[in-house]
Amino acid sequence: DWFLTFVWPRDLCYVRYWQRNDDGGYVVLFQSREHPNC
């Protein structure tokens, strides 16, 4: 399962996706997004 989190740092808007692997490790992906508040 992928979990979606919106994050708004200073000058960037991006979406962070993360997934827990069967071995207990995590994969984290960041993707830029346009948003009216950025």
Protein backbone atom coordinates (compact mmCIF):
# COMPACT_ATOMS: atom_id res chain seq x y z
CA ASP A 1 0.00 0.00 0.00
CA TRP A 2 1.15 3.52 -0.84
CA PHE A 3 0.48 6.38 1.57
CA LEU A 4 0.11 9.89 0.20
CA THR A 5 1.24 12.93 2.18
CA PHE A 6 1.18 16.57 1.04
CA VAL A 7 4.14 18.62 2.23
CA TRP A 8 4.69 22.37 1.77
CA PRO A 9 8.28 23.46 2.47
CA ARG A 10 9.39 27.07 1.92
CA ASP A 11 9.48 27.42 -1.88
CA LEU A 12 8.32 24.04 -3.11
CA CYS A 13 5.12 22.01 -3.13
CA TYR A 14 5.54 18.32 -3.48
CA VAL A 15 3.80 15.07 -2.73
CA ARG A 16 5.56 12.40 -0.75
CA TYR A 17 4.66 8.76 -1.36
CA TRP A 18 6.01 6.08 0.93
CA GLN A 19 5.72 2.33 1.05
CA ARG A 20 6.90 -0.23 3.59
CA ASN A 21 8.55 -3.26 2.04
CA ASP A 22 8.09 -6.84 3.23
CA ASP A 23 11.65 -6.81 4.60
CA GLY A 24 10.80 -3.85 6.89
CA GLY A 25 12.52 -1.22 4.74
CA TYR A 26 10.83 1.85 3.27
CA VAL A 27 10.75 3.43 -0.18
CA VAL A 28 10.07 7.19 -0.25
CA LEU A 29 9.31 9.04 -3.50
CA PHE A 30 8.92 12.82 -3.91
CA GLN A 31 7.04 14.43 -6.81
CA SER A 32 6.58 18.15 -7.55
CA ARG A 33 3.02 19.47 -7.66
CA GLU A 34 1.41 22.77 -8.58
CA HIS A 35 -0.83 24.19 -5.88
CA PRO A 36 -2.62 27.55 -5.66
CA ASN A 37 -1.11 28.29 -2.21
CA CYS A 38 2.49 27.86 -3.37
